[in-house]
Protein backbone atom coordinates (compact mmCIF):
# COMPACT_ATOMS: atom_id res chain seq x y z
CA MET A 1 -4.49 8.38 -22.14
CA LYS A 2 -1.70 10.77 -22.53
CA LEU A 3 -0.12 9.55 -19.15
CA HIS A 4 0.33 6.06 -20.78
CA GLN A 5 3.04 7.71 -23.17
CA ASP A 6 5.17 7.79 -20.04
CA VAL A 7 5.06 4.20 -19.50
CA CYS A 8 7.20 1.23 -21.01
CA GLU A 9 5.16 -1.65 -19.82
CA VAL A 10 1.64 -2.47 -18.29
CA LEU A 11 2.15 -4.95 -15.74
CA TYR A 12 -1.37 -5.21 -14.35
CA THR A 13 -4.30 -4.34 -16.08
CA GLU A 14 -7.67 -2.93 -14.16
CA LYS A 15 -9.07 -6.27 -14.37
CA GLN A 16 -6.58 -8.24 -13.07
CA LEU A 17 -6.04 -5.73 -10.37
CA GLN A 18 -10.00 -5.85 -9.38
CA GLN A 19 -9.95 -9.75 -9.37
CA ARG A 20 -6.95 -10.01 -7.25
CA VAL A 21 -8.37 -7.15 -4.71
CA ALA A 22 -11.47 -9.18 -4.44
CA GLU A 23 -9.57 -12.29 -3.64
CA LEU A 24 -7.56 -10.24 -0.97
CA GLY A 25 -10.94 -9.04 0.57
CA ALA A 26 -12.20 -12.41 0.64
CA GLN A 27 -8.93 -13.53 2.26
CA ILE A 28 -9.38 -11.06 5.13
CA THR A 29 -12.94 -11.56 5.34
CA ARG A 30 -12.20 -15.26 6.24
CA ASP A 31 -9.45 -14.74 8.69
CA TYR A 32 -10.90 -11.91 10.93
CA GLN A 33 -14.67 -13.75 11.01
CA GLY A 34 -16.42 -12.61 14.07
CA GLU A 35 -13.92 -9.86 14.58
CA GLU A 36 -13.99 -5.97 14.31
CA VAL A 37 -11.02 -4.73 12.25
CA LEU A 38 -9.39 -1.22 11.72
CA MET A 39 -8.47 -0.99 8.11
CA VAL A 40 -5.37 2.04 8.07
CA CYS A 41 -4.91 3.36 4.82
CA THR A 42 -1.60 4.66 4.24
CA LEU A 43 -1.96 7.85 2.06
CA ARG A 44 -1.82 8.91 -0.59
CA GLY A 45 -0.40 5.90 -2.64
CA ALA A 46 -2.74 3.27 -1.38
CA CYS A 47 -6.12 5.41 -1.19
CA ILE A 48 -7.42 3.70 -4.44
CA PHE A 49 -6.54 0.37 -3.59
CA TYR A 50 -7.82 0.88 0.07
CA CYS A 51 -11.02 2.04 -1.23
CA ASP A 52 -11.60 -0.89 -3.78
CA LEU A 53 -10.29 -3.40 -1.05
CA ILE A 54 -12.92 -2.31 1.89
CA ARG A 55 -15.87 -3.15 -0.47
CA HIS A 56 -14.86 -6.71 -0.44
CA ILE A 57 -14.66 -7.15 3.05
CA ASP A 58 -17.70 -8.59 4.86
CA LEU A 59 -16.91 -7.76 8.15
CA ASP A 60 -17.53 -4.79 11.02
CA ILE A 61 -14.60 -2.51 9.73
CA LYS A 62 -13.52 0.92 11.05
CA LEU A 63 -11.38 3.09 8.80
CA ASP A 64 -8.57 5.45 9.43
CA PHE A 65 -5.82 7.14 7.69
CA ILE A 66 -1.90 7.58 8.02
CA ALA A 67 0.44 9.48 6.19
CA THR A 68 4.40 9.10 6.22
CA SER A 69 6.91 10.69 3.96
CA SER A 70 10.33 8.79 2.81
CA TYR A 71 10.54 9.50 -1.05
CA GLY A 72 9.97 13.28 -1.57
CA ASN A 73 10.18 13.47 -5.44
CA ASP A 74 12.47 10.79 -5.96
CA THR A 75 12.63 7.17 -6.89
CA LYS A 76 14.29 5.76 -3.98
CA SER A 77 13.54 6.40 0.00
CA SER A 78 15.45 8.47 1.55
CA GLY A 79 15.72 6.09 4.37
CA GLU A 80 14.15 8.42 6.99
CA VAL A 81 10.38 8.08 7.70
CA ARG A 82 8.59 10.95 8.96
CA LEU A 83 4.81 10.67 10.20
CA THR A 84 2.69 13.53 8.46
CA LYS A 85 -0.68 12.68 9.35
CA ASP A 86 -1.28 10.44 12.48
CA LEU A 87 -4.44 8.36 13.07
CA SER A 88 -7.46 9.82 14.44
CA SER A 89 -8.27 7.38 17.56
CA PRO A 90 -6.55 5.13 19.66
CA ILE A 91 -5.68 1.82 18.39
CA SER A 92 -5.32 -0.09 21.82
CA GLY A 93 -6.65 -3.61 21.84
CA LYS A 94 -7.86 -3.45 17.92
CA ASN A 95 -7.14 -5.74 15.15
CA VAL A 96 -5.47 -3.30 12.74
CA ILE A 97 -4.53 -4.08 8.96
CA ILE A 98 -2.16 -1.46 7.44
CA VAL A 99 -3.33 -1.19 3.85
CA GLU A 100 -0.30 -0.08 1.80
CA ASP A 101 0.58 0.34 -2.25
CA ILE A 102 3.51 -1.38 -2.45
CA ILE A 103 6.46 -2.90 0.13
CA ASP A 104 9.99 -1.54 -1.37
CA SER A 105 12.50 -0.64 0.83
CA GLY A 106 10.22 -1.68 3.72
CA LEU A 107 11.15 0.86 6.27
CA THR A 108 7.82 2.67 6.32
CA LEU A 109 6.04 -0.42 7.08
CA LYS A 110 8.52 -1.41 9.85
CA TYR A 111 8.23 1.62 11.45
CA LEU A 112 4.19 1.76 11.29
CA LYS A 113 4.05 -1.57 12.65
CA ARG A 114 6.33 -0.86 15.92
CA LEU A 115 4.64 2.14 16.46
CA PHE A 116 1.23 0.40 16.35
CA GLU A 117 2.55 -2.35 18.73
CA ALA A 118 3.65 0.08 20.74
CA ARG A 119 0.46 1.66 20.83
CA ASP A 120 -1.03 -2.29 22.11
CA ALA A 121 -2.81 -2.89 19.23
CA LYS A 122 -4.40 -6.60 19.37
CA SER A 123 -2.68 -7.23 16.02
CA VAL A 124 -1.08 -5.48 13.27
CA ARG A 125 -1.01 -7.14 9.78
CA ILE A 126 0.03 -5.74 6.46
CA CYS A 127 -1.77 -5.81 3.36
CA SER A 128 0.07 -4.19 0.45
CA LEU A 129 -0.99 -4.46 -3.36
CA LEU A 130 2.51 -5.05 -4.55
CA ASP A 131 5.37 -6.41 -3.12
CA LYS A 132 9.07 -5.81 -4.25
CA PRO A 133 11.34 -8.01 -2.52
CA GLU A 134 14.61 -6.61 -4.21
CA GLY A 135 14.22 -3.18 -2.72
CA ARG A 136 13.90 -4.58 0.82
CA GLN A 137 15.95 -3.24 3.33
CA THR A 138 14.55 -4.63 6.38
CA ASP A 139 12.96 -7.84 7.21
CA ILE A 140 9.23 -6.85 7.31
CA GLU A 141 6.95 -8.97 5.22
CA GLY A 142 3.18 -8.45 4.16
CA ASP A 143 0.38 -10.84 5.47
CA TYR A 144 -1.60 -10.18 2.53
CA ILE A 145 0.12 -9.43 -0.66
CA GLY A 146 -1.65 -8.43 -4.09
CA PHE A 147 1.37 -9.07 -6.78
CA THR A 148 5.24 -9.50 -6.58
CA ILE A 149 6.93 -7.36 -9.01
CA PRO A 150 10.43 -6.88 -10.40
CA ASN A 151 12.68 -4.26 -9.06
CA ALA A 152 11.10 -1.44 -11.51
CA PHE A 153 9.40 1.85 -10.92
CA VAL A 154 5.96 1.47 -10.91
CA VAL A 155 2.91 4.05 -11.31
CA GLY A 156 -1.08 4.18 -11.63
CA TYR A 157 -3.85 2.73 -9.49
CA GLY A 158 -2.62 5.11 -6.86
CA LEU A 159 1.33 4.75 -6.99
CA ASP A 160 2.82 8.10 -8.29
CA TYR A 161 6.18 9.38 -9.19
CA ALA A 162 6.29 13.15 -8.14
CA GLU A 163 2.47 13.41 -7.35
CA ARG A 164 1.74 12.46 -11.32
CA TYR A 165 0.24 9.25 -12.53
CA ARG A 166 -1.74 7.88 -9.62
CA ASN A 167 -4.96 7.97 -12.07
CA LEU A 168 -3.72 5.55 -14.51
CA PRO A 169 -6.07 2.28 -14.24
CA ASP A 170 -3.49 -0.01 -14.53
CA VAL A 171 0.02 -0.62 -12.66
CA CYS A 172 2.81 0.55 -15.08
CA VAL A 173 6.44 0.37 -15.18
CA LEU A 174 7.47 3.94 -15.80
CA ASP A 175 9.72 5.00 -18.39
CA PRO A 176 13.28 5.57 -16.88
CA ARG A 177 13.67 8.76 -18.83
CA ILE A 178 10.78 10.39 -17.32
CA TYR A 179 12.46 10.39 -13.77
CA ALA A 180 16.47 10.48 -14.99
CA LYS A 181 15.58 14.29 -16.09
C-alpha cells in the first residue's frame, strides 16, 4: 500500500490487533455478565477498533457515538477539548464504556468521564486500544488497554494524521518527516 511508504515502523500487525481486541471483548463480557452496557465510540479515531470490539462482547449492549476535537491537524493536543457531537440518548443509571483509540494527553478522556459522571451514569470505564503514558497530562487511566506504546506518533487502524492513514490495517509509527513539513 502506498501509504505504508510514510511509516517508519509497524508496531502492531492486523493479526496482533485482532487477537488483542478479542481478548478485550472477552474481558468486558466477563466483567459485565448480566448487565447492560452502553458502548460509546469516540469518533473518528476509534471507529474501526469499536466495530471490531463490539463483535467480541457477548452482552446486551447499546451503541452510541460522541465526537470531540483537541488536535486539529497537529500531532499534539491543543489542550482545549471541544464537544463536536453529543450522545443521542440519556445515560443516567447506565454502565458506560468509552471506547477510545489512544490515551495520550488524557485530556479528552478526563473531560468525557467527568461529563458522563455529571450526567449520572451508573459507571464510567475506559477501553482504549493504545495507551501512551509518556504523553499524559492528567491522572486519567484506562480500565481496558490493548497495548502500551512508546512516545511516538502512530497512525493506522483508525488513527490518523490530518485525516490520512486511518485505513492502514496495522498500527504504525508515522515518519516524522511527514508532519515536520
